[in-house]
Amino acid sequence: MPAISQTKANMEDPREHAVWALSPVPIDENGTPLVLPLMALQFISEHLWRCGFRHHPEFQEIVASEDSHTAFMAGGVAWMPATEAQATPPEVDLSALSEAEVAAVEAALERRKKGTR
């Protein structure tokens, strides 16, 4: 199981709901990361679930930085106050589109800007 971000976690799956919070856990005031074995994360998540732990977004005080360069299991996660976090824009890969398809997407976006279909 790959390490997953909070935005991609299935919060109803005991083996996924807490994986994002364990990737990695800071263990001191300096933020030194405890990098857990990737294979263990799903079992720890499930154990926490069985112990009754559930995520409550309204109580979440910190969030992990989530961008295309974040290495969740390499200690590269920066935890920041939730109030400072900005919504991560979705990444759209258009590299597989033909020039005609790109032109069609551009035209559709232009129509959308103008409020027409």
PDB file of N, CA and C in Angstrom:
ATOM      1  N   MET A   1       0.843  -1.183   0.000  1.00  0.00           N
ATOM      2  CA  MET A   1       0.000   0.000   0.000  1.00  0.00           C
ATOM      3  C   MET A   1       0.883   1.239   0.000  1.00  0.00           C
ATOM      4  N   PRO A   2       0.662   2.129  -0.942  1.00  0.00           N
ATOM      5  CA  PRO A   2       1.442   3.365  -0.943  1.00  0.00           C
ATOM      6  C   PRO A   2       0.954   4.316   0.138  1.00  0.00           C
ATOM      7  N   ALA A   3       1.837   5.189   0.578  1.00  0.00           N
ATOM      8  CA  ALA A   3       1.420   6.223   1.514  1.00  0.00           C
ATOM      9  C   ALA A   3       0.486   7.152   0.761  1.00  0.00           C
ATOM     10  N   ILE A   4      -0.595   7.544   1.405  1.00  0.00           N
ATOM     11  CA  ILE A   4      -1.574   8.385   0.738  1.00  0.00           C
ATOM     12  C   ILE A   4      -1.777   9.679   1.495  1.00  0.00           C
ATOM     13  N   SER A   5      -2.169  10.694   0.760  1.00  0.00           N
ATOM     14  CA  SER A   5      -2.422  11.991   1.371  1.00  0.00           C
ATOM     15  C   SER A   5      -3.824  12.001   1.971  1.00  0.00           C
ATOM     16  N   GLN A   6      -4.095  12.983   2.788  1.00  0.00           N
ATOM     17  CA  GLN A   6      -5.410  13.104   3.411  1.00  0.00           C
ATOM     18  C   GLN A   6      -6.508  13.252   2.357  1.00  0.00           C
ATOM     19  N   THR A   7      -6.224  14.004   1.306  1.00  0.00           N
ATOM     20  CA  THR A   7      -7.243  14.230   0.286  1.00  0.00           C
ATOM     21  C   THR A   7      -7.570  12.969  -0.502  1.00  0.00           C
ATOM     22  N   LYS A   8      -6.665  12.005  -0.512  1.00  0.00           N
ATOM     23  CA  LYS A   8      -6.903  10.773  -1.264  1.00  0.00           C
ATOM     24  C   LYS A   8      -7.320   9.603  -0.379  1.00  0.00           C
ATOM     25  N   ALA A   9      -7.280   9.765   0.926  1.00  0.00           N
ATOM     26  CA  ALA A   9      -7.601   8.680   1.845  1.00  0.00           C
ATOM     27  C   ALA A   9      -9.102   8.398   1.869  1.00  0.00           C
ATOM     28  N   ASN A  10      -9.445   7.136   1.909  1.00  0.00           N
ATOM     29  CA  ASN A  10     -10.832   6.729   2.096  1.00  0.00           C
ATOM     30  C   ASN A  10     -11.072   6.696   3.603  1.00  0.00           C
ATOM     31  N   MET A  11     -11.749   7.698   4.102  1.00  0.00           N
ATOM     32  CA  MET A  11     -11.926   7.842   5.548  1.00  0.00           C
ATOM     33  C   MET A  11     -12.860   6.789   6.143  1.00  0.00           C
ATOM     34  N   GLU A  12     -13.521   6.001   5.293  1.00  0.00           N
ATOM     35  CA  GLU A  12     -14.390   4.926   5.770  1.00  0.00           C
ATOM     36  C   GLU A  12     -13.658   3.584   5.797  1.00  0.00           C
ATOM     37  N   ASP A  13     -12.447   3.562   5.294  1.00  0.00           N
ATOM     38  CA  ASP A  13     -11.653   2.326   5.259  1.00  0.00           C
ATOM     39  C   ASP A  13     -10.695   2.339   6.445  1.00  0.00           C
ATOM     40  N   PRO A  14     -10.873   1.427   7.393  1.00  0.00           N
ATOM     41  CA  PRO A  14     -10.002   1.405   8.569  1.00  0.00           C
ATOM     42  C   PRO A  14      -8.509   1.375   8.236  1.00  0.00           C
ATOM     43  N   ARG A  15      -8.149   0.769   7.124  1.00  0.00           N
ATOM     44  CA  ARG A  15      -6.735   0.668   6.759  1.00  0.00           C
ATOM     45  C   ARG A  15      -6.200   1.919   6.075  1.00  0.00           C
ATOM     46  N   GLU A  16      -7.071   2.884   5.769  1.00  0.00           N
ATOM     47  CA  GLU A  16      -6.620   4.117   5.126  1.00  0.00           C
ATOM     48  C   GLU A  16      -6.870   5.364   5.959  1.00  0.00           C
ATOM     49  N   HIS A  17      -7.848   5.337   6.830  1.00  0.00           N
ATOM     50  CA  HIS A  17      -8.306   6.584   7.433  1.00  0.00           C
ATOM     51  C   HIS A  17      -7.234   7.348   8.203  1.00  0.00           C
ATOM     52  N   ALA A  18      -6.239   6.693   8.729  1.00  0.00           N
ATOM     53  CA  ALA A  18      -5.211   7.403   9.507  1.00  0.00           C
ATOM     54  C   ALA A  18      -3.824   7.360   8.878  1.00  0.00           C
ATOM     55  N   VAL A  19      -3.693   6.703   7.738  1.00  0.00           N
ATOM     56  CA  VAL A  19      -2.372   6.576   7.105  1.00  0.00           C
ATOM     57  C   VAL A  19      -1.745   7.951   6.868  1.00  0.00           C
ATOM     58  N   TRP A  20      -2.521   8.881   6.368  1.00  0.00           N
ATOM     59  CA  TRP A  20      -2.009  10.224   6.067  1.00  0.00           C
ATOM     60  C   TRP A  20      -1.444  10.910   7.310  1.00  0.00           C
ATOM     61  N   ALA A  21      -2.028  10.651   8.475  1.00  0.00           N
ATOM     62  CA  ALA A  21      -1.579  11.288   9.720  1.00  0.00           C
ATOM     63  C   ALA A  21      -0.304  10.645  10.262  1.00  0.00           C
ATOM     64  N   LEU A  22       0.038   9.481   9.754  1.00  0.00           N
ATOM     65  CA  LEU A  22       1.216   8.748  10.222  1.00  0.00           C
ATOM     66  C   LEU A  22       2.410   8.940   9.296  1.00  0.00           C
ATOM     67  N   SER A  23       2.309   9.831   8.347  1.00  0.00           N
ATOM     68  CA  SER A  23       3.295   9.951   7.277  1.00  0.00           C
ATOM     69  C   SER A  23       4.007  11.282   7.261  1.00  0.00           C
ATOM     70  N   PRO A  24       5.048  11.497   7.898  1.00  0.00           N
ATOM     71  CA  PRO A  24       5.553  10.860   9.110  1.00  0.00           C
ATOM     72  C   PRO A  24       5.107  11.645  10.348  1.00  0.00           C
ATOM     73  N   VAL A  25       5.285  11.059  11.490  1.00  0.00           N
ATOM     74  CA  VAL A  25       4.892  11.670  12.758  1.00  0.00           C
ATOM     75  C   VAL A  25       6.087  12.434  13.337  1.00  0.00           C
ATOM     76  N   PRO A  26       5.918  13.734  13.644  1.00  0.00           N
ATOM     77  CA  PRO A  26       7.024  14.450  14.298  1.00  0.00           C
ATOM     78  C   PRO A  26       7.161  13.957  15.741  1.00  0.00           C
ATOM     79  N   ILE A  27       8.403  13.728  16.180  1.00  0.00           N
ATOM     80  CA  ILE A  27       8.594  13.137  17.511  1.00  0.00           C
ATOM     81  C   ILE A  27       9.294  14.058  18.505  1.00  0.00           C
ATOM     82  N   ASP A  28       9.572  15.296  18.097  1.00  0.00           N
ATOM     83  CA  ASP A  28      10.138  16.248  19.048  1.00  0.00           C
ATOM     84  C   ASP A  28       9.784  17.673  18.627  1.00  0.00           C
ATOM     85  N   GLU A  29      10.238  18.646  19.428  1.00  0.00           N
ATOM     86  CA  GLU A  29       9.920  20.056  19.167  1.00  0.00           C
ATOM     87  C   GLU A  29      10.492  20.555  17.841  1.00  0.00           C
ATOM     88  N   ASN A  30      11.538  19.910  17.351  1.00  0.00           N
ATOM     89  CA  ASN A  30      12.176  20.319  16.103  1.00  0.00           C
ATOM     90  C   ASN A  30      11.503  19.719  14.875  1.00  0.00           C
ATOM     91  N   GLY A  31      10.512  18.863  15.101  1.00  0.00           N
ATOM     92  CA  GLY A  31       9.816  18.237  13.982  1.00  0.00           C
ATOM     93  C   GLY A  31      10.532  17.048  13.383  1.00  0.00           C
ATOM     94  N   THR A  32      11.483  16.488  14.119  1.00  0.00           N
ATOM     95  CA  THR A  32      12.191  15.308  13.624  1.00  0.00           C
ATOM     96  C   THR A  32      11.171  14.221  13.280  1.00  0.00           C
ATOM     97  N   PRO A  33      11.202  13.705  12.050  1.00  0.00           N
ATOM     98  CA  PRO A  33      10.181  12.735  11.651  1.00  0.00           C
ATOM     99  C   PRO A  33      10.485  11.306  12.084  1.00  0.00           C
ATOM    100  N   LEU A  34       9.456  10.625  12.524  1.00  0.00           N
ATOM    101  CA  LEU A  34       9.517   9.187  12.741  1.00  0.00           C
ATOM    102  C   LEU A  34       8.936   8.563  11.481  1.00  0.00           C
ATOM    103  N   VAL A  35       9.792   8.009  10.663  1.00  0.00           N
ATOM    104  CA  VAL A  35       9.349   7.406   9.409  1.00  0.00           C
ATOM    105  C   VAL A  35       9.069   5.934   9.682  1.00  0.00           C
ATOM    106  N   LEU A  36       7.792   5.590   9.645  1.00  0.00           N
ATOM    107  CA  LEU A  36       7.359   4.229   9.917  1.00  0.00           C
ATOM    108  C   LEU A  36       7.457   3.380   8.648  1.00  0.00           C
ATOM    109  N   PRO A  37       7.640   2.085   8.812  1.00  0.00           N
ATOM    110  CA  PRO A  37       7.683   1.222   7.622  1.00  0.00           C
ATOM    111  C   PRO A  37       6.365   1.313   6.855  1.00  0.00           C
ATOM    112  N   LEU A  38       6.456   1.474   5.571  1.00  0.00           N
ATOM    113  CA  LEU A  38       5.286   1.622   4.721  1.00  0.00           C
ATOM    114  C   LEU A  38       4.293   0.476   4.914  1.00  0.00           C
ATOM    115  N   MET A  39       4.795  -0.715   5.040  1.00  0.00           N
ATOM    116  CA  MET A  39       3.926  -1.892   5.201  1.00  0.00           C
ATOM    117  C   MET A  39       3.141  -1.843   6.512  1.00  0.00           C
ATOM    118  N   ALA A  40       3.645  -1.122   7.506  1.00  0.00           N
ATOM    119  CA  ALA A  40       2.988  -1.092   8.814  1.00  0.00           C
ATOM    120  C   ALA A  40       1.854  -0.078   8.898  1.00  0.00           C
ATOM    121  N   LEU A  41       1.862   0.934   8.043  1.00  0.00           N
ATOM    122  CA  LEU A  41       0.897   2.031   8.167  1.00  0.00           C
ATOM    123  C   LEU A  41      -0.554   1.560   8.141  1.00  0.00           C
ATOM    124  N   GLN A  42      -0.893   0.680   7.225  1.00  0.00           N
ATOM    125  CA  GLN A  42      -2.283   0.229   7.129  1.00  0.00           C
ATOM    126  C   GLN A  42      -2.719  -0.539   8.377  1.00  0.00           C
ATOM    127  N   PHE A  43      -1.800  -1.266   8.988  1.00  0.00           N
ATOM    128  CA  PHE A  43      -2.138  -2.025  10.186  1.00  0.00           C
ATOM    129  C   PHE A  43      -2.268  -1.112  11.406  1.00  0.00           C
ATOM    130  N   ILE A  44      -1.418  -0.102  11.477  1.00  0.00           N
ATOM    131  CA  ILE A  44      -1.529   0.873  12.561  1.00  0.00           C
ATOM    132  C   ILE A  44      -2.845   1.640  12.418  1.00  0.00           C
ATOM    133  N   SER A  45      -3.173   2.037  11.197  1.00  0.00           N
ATOM    134  CA  SER A  45      -4.424   2.739  10.939  1.00  0.00           C
ATOM    135  C   SER A  45      -5.623   1.893  11.365  1.00  0.00           C
ATOM    136  N   GLU A  46      -5.602   0.626  10.972  1.00  0.00           N
ATOM    137  CA  GLU A  46      -6.707  -0.264  11.347  1.00  0.00           C
ATOM    138  C   GLU A  46      -6.772  -0.455  12.860  1.00  0.00           C
ATOM    139  N   HIS A  47      -5.637  -0.564  13.519  1.00  0.00           N
ATOM    140  CA  HIS A  47      -5.609  -0.712  14.973  1.00  0.00           C
ATOM    141  C   HIS A  47      -6.231   0.516  15.644  1.00  0.00           C
ATOM    142  N   LEU A  48      -5.850   1.702  15.174  1.00  0.00           N
ATOM    143  CA  LEU A  48      -6.424   2.927  15.735  1.00  0.00           C
ATOM    144  C   LEU A  48      -7.940   2.954  15.535  1.00  0.00           C
ATOM    145  N   TRP A  49      -8.394   2.522  14.360  1.00  0.00           N
ATOM    146  CA  TRP A  49      -9.829   2.461  14.059  1.00  0.00           C
ATOM    147  C   TRP A  49     -10.531   1.539  15.056  1.00  0.00           C
ATOM    148  N   ARG A  50      -9.944   0.364  15.259  1.00  0.00           N
ATOM    149  CA  ARG A  50     -10.553  -0.614  16.175  1.00  0.00           C
ATOM    150  C   ARG A  50     -10.537  -0.124  17.616  1.00  0.00           C
ATOM    151  N   CYS A  51      -9.611   0.769  17.930  1.00  0.00           N
ATOM    152  CA  CYS A  51      -9.566   1.371  19.268  1.00  0.00           C
ATOM    153  C   CYS A  51     -10.580   2.518  19.416  1.00  0.00           C
ATOM    154  N   GLY A  52     -11.239   2.862  18.325  1.00  0.00           N
ATOM    155  CA  GLY A  52     -12.267   3.886  18.381  1.00  0.00           C
ATOM    156  C   GLY A  52     -11.864   5.243  17.849  1.00  0.00           C
ATOM    157  N   PHE A  53     -10.642   5.371  17.355  1.00  0.00           N
ATOM    158  CA  PHE A  53     -10.197   6.659  16.824  1.00  0.00           C
ATOM    159  C   PHE A  53     -10.878   6.936  15.491  1.00  0.00           C
ATOM    160  N   ARG A  54     -11.410   8.159  15.353  1.00  0.00           N
ATOM    161  CA  ARG A  54     -12.003   8.608  14.099  1.00  0.00           C
ATOM    162  C   ARG A  54     -11.571  10.045  13.863  1.00  0.00           C
ATOM    163  N   HIS A  55     -11.455  10.393  12.613  1.00  0.00           N
ATOM    164  CA  HIS A  55     -11.057  11.744  12.250  1.00  0.00           C
ATOM    165  C   HIS A  55     -12.258  12.693  12.349  1.00  0.00           C
ATOM    166  N   HIS A  56     -12.021  13.830  12.969  1.00  0.00           N
ATOM    167  CA  HIS A  56     -13.028  14.891  13.062  1.00  0.00           C
ATOM    168  C   HIS A  56     -12.408  16.144  12.463  1.00  0.00           C
ATOM    169  N   PRO A  57     -12.725  16.456  11.207  1.00  0.00           N
ATOM    170  CA  PRO A  57     -12.087  17.593  10.539  1.00  0.00           C
ATOM    171  C   PRO A  57     -12.276  18.913  11.275  1.00  0.00           C
ATOM    172  N   GLU A  58     -13.378  19.045  11.996  1.00  0.00           N
ATOM    173  CA  GLU A  58     -13.612  20.297  12.724  1.00  0.00           C
ATOM    174  C   GLU A  58     -12.628  20.508  13.869  1.00  0.00           C
ATOM    175  N   PHE A  59     -11.953  19.447  14.297  1.00  0.00           N
ATOM    176  CA  PHE A  59     -10.956  19.556  15.363  1.00  0.00           C
ATOM    177  C   PHE A  59      -9.522  19.534  14.836  1.00  0.00           C
ATOM    178  N   GLN A  60      -9.359  19.375  13.545  1.00  0.00           N
ATOM    179  CA  GLN A  60      -8.021  19.259  12.972  1.00  0.00           C
ATOM    180  C   GLN A  60      -7.282  20.594  13.073  1.00  0.00           C
ATOM    181  N   GLU A  61      -6.143  20.584  13.752  1.00  0.00           N
ATOM    182  CA  GLU A  61      -5.352  21.790  13.977  1.00  0.00           C
ATOM    183  C   GLU A  61      -4.185  21.931  13.009  1.00  0.00           C
ATOM    184  N   ILE A  62      -3.704  20.808  12.483  1.00  0.00           N
ATOM    185  CA  ILE A  62      -2.571  20.838  11.548  1.00  0.00           C
ATOM    186  C   ILE A  62      -2.916  20.044  10.303  1.00  0.00           C
ATOM    187  N   VAL A  63      -2.259  20.395   9.214  1.00  0.00           N
ATOM    188  CA  VAL A  63      -2.415  19.672   7.956  1.00  0.00           C
ATOM    189  C   VAL A  63      -1.038  19.467   7.350  1.00  0.00           C
ATOM    190  N   ALA A  64      -0.926  18.433   6.554  1.00  0.00           N
ATOM    191  CA  ALA A  64       0.334  18.152   5.858  1.00  0.00           C
ATOM    192  C   ALA A  64       0.371  18.934   4.559  1.00  0.00           C
ATOM    193  N   SER A  65       1.556  19.398   4.219  1.00  0.00           N
ATOM    194  CA  SER A  65       1.713  20.036   2.913  1.00  0.00           C
ATOM    195  C   SER A  65       1.470  18.965   1.862  1.00  0.00           C
ATOM    196  N   GLU A  66       0.707  19.311   0.863  1.00  0.00           N
ATOM    197  CA  GLU A  66       0.417  18.348  -0.197  1.00  0.00           C
ATOM    198  C   GLU A  66       0.672  19.000  -1.540  1.00  0.00           C
ATOM    199  N   ASP A  67       1.804  18.664  -2.120  1.00  0.00           N
ATOM    200  CA  ASP A  67       2.071  19.108  -3.482  1.00  0.00           C
ATOM    201  C   ASP A  67       2.759  17.969  -4.216  1.00  0.00           C
ATOM    202  N   SER A  68       2.992  18.163  -5.467  1.00  0.00           N
ATOM    203  CA  SER A  68       3.544  17.069  -6.268  1.00  0.00           C
ATOM    204  C   SER A  68       4.965  16.696  -5.869  1.00  0.00           C
ATOM    205  N   HIS A  69       5.605  17.525  -5.056  1.00  0.00           N
ATOM    206  CA  HIS A  69       6.988  17.258  -4.670  1.00  0.00           C
ATOM    207  C   HIS A  69       7.105  16.669  -3.265  1.00  0.00           C
ATOM    208  N   THR A  70       5.988  16.519  -2.563  1.00  0.00           N
ATOM    209  CA  THR A  70       6.014  15.991  -1.209  1.00  0.00           C
ATOM    210  C   THR A  70       6.296  14.496  -1.224  1.00  0.00           C
ATOM    211  N   ALA A  71       7.291  14.096  -0.471  1.00  0.00           N
ATOM    212  CA  ALA A  71       7.610  12.677  -0.324  1.00  0.00           C
ATOM    213  C   ALA A  71       7.117  12.252   1.055  1.00  0.00           C
ATOM    214  N   PHE A  72       5.915  11.695   1.097  1.00  0.00           N
ATOM    215  CA  PHE A  72       5.284  11.389   2.373  1.00  0.00           C
ATOM    216  C   PHE A  72       6.124  10.476   3.252  1.00  0.00           C
ATOM    217  N   MET A  73       6.770   9.499   2.681  1.00  0.00           N
ATOM    218  CA  MET A  73       7.506   8.552   3.509  1.00  0.00           C
ATOM    219  C   MET A  73       8.990   8.857   3.603  1.00  0.00           C
ATOM    220  N   ALA A  74       9.413   9.981   3.087  1.00  0.00           N
ATOM    221  CA  ALA A  74      10.829  10.318   3.162  1.00  0.00           C
ATOM    222  C   ALA A  74      11.072  11.453   4.153  1.00  0.00           C
ATOM    223  N   GLY A  75      10.106  11.681   5.012  1.00  0.00           N
ATOM    224  CA  GLY A  75      10.269  12.749   5.995  1.00  0.00           C
ATOM    225  C   GLY A  75      10.096  14.117   5.371  1.00  0.00           C
ATOM    226  N   GLY A  76       9.540  14.188   4.168  1.00  0.00           N
ATOM    227  CA  GLY A  76       9.423  15.456   3.471  1.00  0.00           C
ATOM    228  C   GLY A  76       8.130  16.200   3.730  1.00  0.00           C
ATOM    229  N   VAL A  77       7.288  15.684   4.602  1.00  0.00           N
ATOM    230  CA  VAL A  77       6.014  16.338   4.889  1.00  0.00           C
ATOM    231  C   VAL A  77       6.247  17.494   5.855  1.00  0.00           C
ATOM    232  N   ALA A  78       5.697  18.626   5.505  1.00  0.00           N
ATOM    233  CA  ALA A  78       5.730  19.770   6.416  1.00  0.00           C
ATOM    234  C   ALA A  78       4.341  19.910   7.018  1.00  0.00           C
ATOM    235  N   TRP A  79       4.247  19.808   8.333  1.00  0.00           N
ATOM    236  CA  TRP A  79       2.963  19.991   9.015  1.00  0.00           C
ATOM    237  C   TRP A  79       2.821  21.476   9.324  1.00  0.00           C
ATOM    238  N   MET A  80       1.654  22.021   9.043  1.00  0.00           N
ATOM    239  CA  MET A  80       1.426  23.444   9.260  1.00  0.00           C
ATOM    240  C   MET A  80       0.050  23.647   9.890  1.00  0.00           C
ATOM    241  N   PRO A  81      -0.142  24.801  10.539  1.00  0.00           N
ATOM    242  CA  PRO A  81      -1.472  25.072  11.112  1.00  0.00           C
ATOM    243  C   PRO A  81      -2.527  25.024  10.006  1.00  0.00           C
ATOM    244  N   ALA A  82      -3.653  24.423  10.307  1.00  0.00           N
ATOM    245  CA  ALA A  82      -4.726  24.291   9.318  1.00  0.00           C
ATOM    246  C   ALA A  82      -5.199  25.658   8.836  1.00  0.00           C
ATOM    247  N   THR A  83      -5.107  26.660   9.689  1.00  0.00           N
ATOM    248  CA  THR A  83      -5.554  28.002   9.312  1.00  0.00           C
ATOM    249  C   THR A  83      -4.665  28.626   8.248  1.00  0.00           C
ATOM    250  N   GLU A  84      -3.422  28.142   8.111  1.00  0.00           N
ATOM    251  CA  GLU A  84      -2.489  28.688   7.130  1.00  0.00           C
ATOM    252  C   GLU A  84      -2.480  27.906   5.818  1.00  0.00           C
ATOM    253  N   ALA A  85      -3.104  26.751   5.831  1.00  0.00           N
ATOM    254  CA  ALA A  85      -3.081  25.894   4.641  1.00  0.00           C
ATOM    255  C   ALA A  85      -3.967  26.479   3.550  1.00  0.00           C
ATOM    256  N   GLN A  86      -3.505  26.337   2.349  1.00  0.00           N
ATOM    257  CA  GLN A  86      -4.282  26.763   1.194  1.00  0.00           C
ATOM    258  C   GLN A  86      -4.722  25.529   0.435  1.00  0.00           C
ATOM    259  N   ALA A  87      -5.855  25.638  -0.178  1.00  0.00           N
ATOM    260  CA  ALA A  87      -6.329  24.510  -0.977  1.00  0.00           C
ATOM    261  C   ALA A  87      -5.322  24.241  -2.091  1.00  0.00           C
ATOM    262  N   THR A  88      -4.971  22.987  -2.243  1.00  0.00           N
ATOM    263  CA  THR A  88      -4.031  22.595  -3.283  1.00  0.00           C
ATOM    264  C   THR A  88      -4.774  22.495  -4.601  1.00  0.00           C
ATOM    265  N   PRO A  89      -4.346  23.256  -5.592  1.00  0.00           N
ATOM    266  CA  PRO A  89      -5.035  23.148  -6.879  1.00  0.00           C
ATOM    267  C   PRO A  89      -4.816  21.762  -7.476  1.00  0.00           C
ATOM    268  N   PRO A  90      -5.843  21.218  -8.101  1.00  0.00           N
ATOM    269  CA  PRO A  90      -5.670  19.882  -8.692  1.00  0.00           C
ATOM    270  C   PRO A  90      -4.668  19.924  -9.842  1.00  0.00           C
ATOM    271  N   GLU A  91      -3.922  18.853  -9.974  1.00  0.00           N
ATOM    272  CA  GLU A  91      -2.968  18.744 -11.074  1.00  0.00           C
ATOM    273  C   GLU A  91      -3.668  18.072 -12.246  1.00  0.00           C
ATOM    274  N   VAL A  92      -3.598  18.684 -13.388  1.00  0.00           N
ATOM    275  CA  VAL A  92      -4.237  18.149 -14.584  1.00  0.00           C
ATOM    276  C   VAL A  92      -3.142  17.844 -15.603  1.00  0.00           C
ATOM    277  N   ASP A  93      -3.085  16.593 -16.023  1.00  0.00           N
ATOM    278  CA  ASP A  93      -2.088  16.175 -17.004  1.00  0.00           C
ATOM    279  C   ASP A  93      -2.735  16.147 -18.378  1.00  0.00           C
ATOM    280  N   LEU A  94      -2.353  17.085 -19.216  1.00  0.00           N
ATOM    281  CA  LEU A  94      -2.894  17.163 -20.564  1.00  0.00           C
ATOM    282  C   LEU A  94      -1.926  16.608 -21.612  1.00  0.00           C
ATOM    283  N   SER A  95      -0.848  16.007 -21.156  1.00  0.00           N
ATOM    284  CA  SER A  95       0.200  15.577 -22.078  1.00  0.00           C
ATOM    285  C   SER A  95      -0.247  14.495 -23.058  1.00  0.00           C
ATOM    286  N   ALA A  96      -1.285  13.738 -22.723  1.00  0.00           N
ATOM    287  CA  ALA A  96      -1.734  12.663 -23.612  1.00  0.00           C
ATOM    288  C   ALA A  96      -2.741  13.154 -24.661  1.00  0.00           C
ATOM    289  N   LEU A  97      -3.149  14.415 -24.556  1.00  0.00           N
ATOM    290  CA  LEU A  97      -4.133  14.946 -25.496  1.00  0.00           C
ATOM    291  C   LEU A  97      -3.482  15.322 -26.828  1.00  0.00           C
ATOM    292  N   SER A  98      -4.247  15.130 -27.884  1.00  0.00           N
ATOM    293  CA  SER A  98      -3.784  15.578 -29.200  1.00  0.00           C
ATOM    294  C   SER A  98      -3.960  17.087 -29.278  1.00  0.00           C
ATOM    295  N   GLU A  99      -3.391  17.702 -30.289  1.00  0.00           N
ATOM    296  CA  GLU A  99      -3.544  19.151 -30.474  1.00  0.00           C
ATOM    297  C   GLU A  99      -5.013  19.517 -30.667  1.00  0.00           C
ATOM    298  N   ALA A 100      -5.755  18.681 -31.367  1.00  0.00           N
ATOM    299  CA  ALA A 100      -7.185  18.927 -31.581  1.00  0.00           C
ATOM    300  C   ALA A 100      -7.950  18.870 -30.256  1.00  0.00           C
ATOM    301  N   GLU A 101      -7.594  17.901 -29.409  1.00  0.00           N
ATOM    302  CA  GLU A 101      -8.251  17.790 -28.105  1.00  0.00           C
ATOM    303  C   GLU A 101      -7.907  18.983 -27.217  1.00  0.00           C
ATOM    304  N   VAL A 102      -6.662  19.430 -27.248  1.00  0.00           N
ATOM    305  CA  VAL A 102      -6.251  20.607 -26.478  1.00  0.00           C
ATOM    306  C   VAL A 102      -7.049  21.821 -26.943  1.00  0.00           C
ATOM    307  N   ALA A 103      -7.189  21.979 -28.242  1.00  0.00           N
ATOM    308  CA  ALA A 103      -7.958  23.102 -28.787  1.00  0.00           C
ATOM    309  C   ALA A 103      -9.412  23.028 -28.338  1.00  0.00           C
ATOM    310  N   ALA A 104      -9.980  21.826 -28.307  1.00  0.00           N
ATOM    311  CA  ALA A 104     -11.368  21.656 -27.867  1.00  0.00           C
ATOM    312  C   ALA A 104     -11.523  22.001 -26.390  1.00  0.00           C
ATOM    313  N   VAL A 105     -10.566  21.608 -25.566  1.00  0.00           N
ATOM    314  CA  VAL A 105     -10.602  21.942 -24.141  1.00  0.00           C
ATOM    315  C   VAL A 105     -10.487  23.447 -23.960  1.00  0.00           C
ATOM    316  N   GLU A 106      -9.557  24.067 -24.662  1.00  0.00           N
ATOM    317  CA  GLU A 106      -9.392  25.523 -24.575  1.00  0.00           C
ATOM    318  C   GLU A 106     -10.671  26.245 -24.981  1.00  0.00           C
ATOM    319  N   ALA A 107     -11.311  25.784 -26.049  1.00  0.00           N
ATOM    320  CA  ALA A 107     -12.556  26.410 -26.503  1.00  0.00           C
ATOM    321  C   ALA A 107     -13.657  26.244 -25.453  1.00  0.00           C
ATOM    322  N   ALA A 108     -13.743  25.069 -24.857  1.00  0.00           N
ATOM    323  CA  ALA A 108     -14.755  24.824 -23.824  1.00  0.00           C
ATOM    324  C   ALA A 108     -14.516  25.716 -22.605  1.00  0.00           C
ATOM    325  N   LEU A 109     -13.257  25.877 -22.219  1.00  0.00           N
ATOM    326  CA  LEU A 109     -12.940  26.750 -21.081  1.00  0.00           C
ATOM    327  C   LEU A 109     -13.260  28.206 -21.408  1.00  0.00           C
ATOM    328  N   GLU A 110     -12.999  28.611 -22.618  1.00  0.00           N
ATOM    329  CA  GLU A 110     -13.311  29.988 -23.032  1.00  0.00           C
ATOM    330  C   GLU A 110     -14.823  30.222 -22.996  1.00  0.00           C
ATOM    331  N   ARG A 111     -15.591  29.239 -23.482  1.00  0.00           N
ATOM    332  CA  ARG A 111     -17.055  29.362 -23.417  1.00  0.00           C
ATOM    333  C   ARG A 111     -17.523  29.427 -21.971  1.00  0.00           C
ATOM    334  N   ARG A 112     -16.890  28.657 -21.130  1.00  0.00           N
ATOM    335  CA  ARG A 112     -17.265  28.656 -19.707  1.00  0.00           C
ATOM    336  C   ARG A 112     -17.025  30.023 -19.083  1.00  0.00           C
ATOM    337  N   LYS A 113     -15.884  30.650 -19.404  1.00  0.00           N
ATOM    338  CA  LYS A 113     -15.576  31.990 -18.893  1.00  0.00           C
ATOM    339  C   LYS A 113     -16.652  32.989 -19.288  1.00  0.00           C
ATOM    340  N   LYS A 114     -17.144  32.828 -20.503  1.00  0.00           N
ATOM    341  CA  LYS A 114     -18.145  33.760 -21.031  1.00  0.00           C
ATOM    342  C   LYS A 114     -19.556  33.425 -20.552  1.00  0.00           C
ATOM    343  N   GLY A 115     -19.702  32.270 -19.897  1.00  0.00           N
ATOM    344  CA  GLY A 115     -21.014  31.884 -19.389  1.00  0.00           C
ATOM    345  C   GLY A 115     -21.902  31.227 -20.426  1.00  0.00           C
ATOM    346  N   THR A 116     -21.309  30.784 -21.509  1.00  0.00           N
ATOM    347  CA  THR A 116     -22.073  30.072 -22.530  1.00  0.00           C
ATOM    348  C   THR A 116     -21.649  28.619 -22.536  1.00  0.00           C
ATOM    349  N   ARG A 117     -22.407  27.812 -23.192  1.00  0.00           N
ATOM    350  CA  ARG A 117     -22.072  26.386 -23.257  1.00  0.00           C
ATOM    351  C   ARG A 117     -21.456  26.129 -24.574  1.00  0.00           C
TER     352      ARG A 117
END
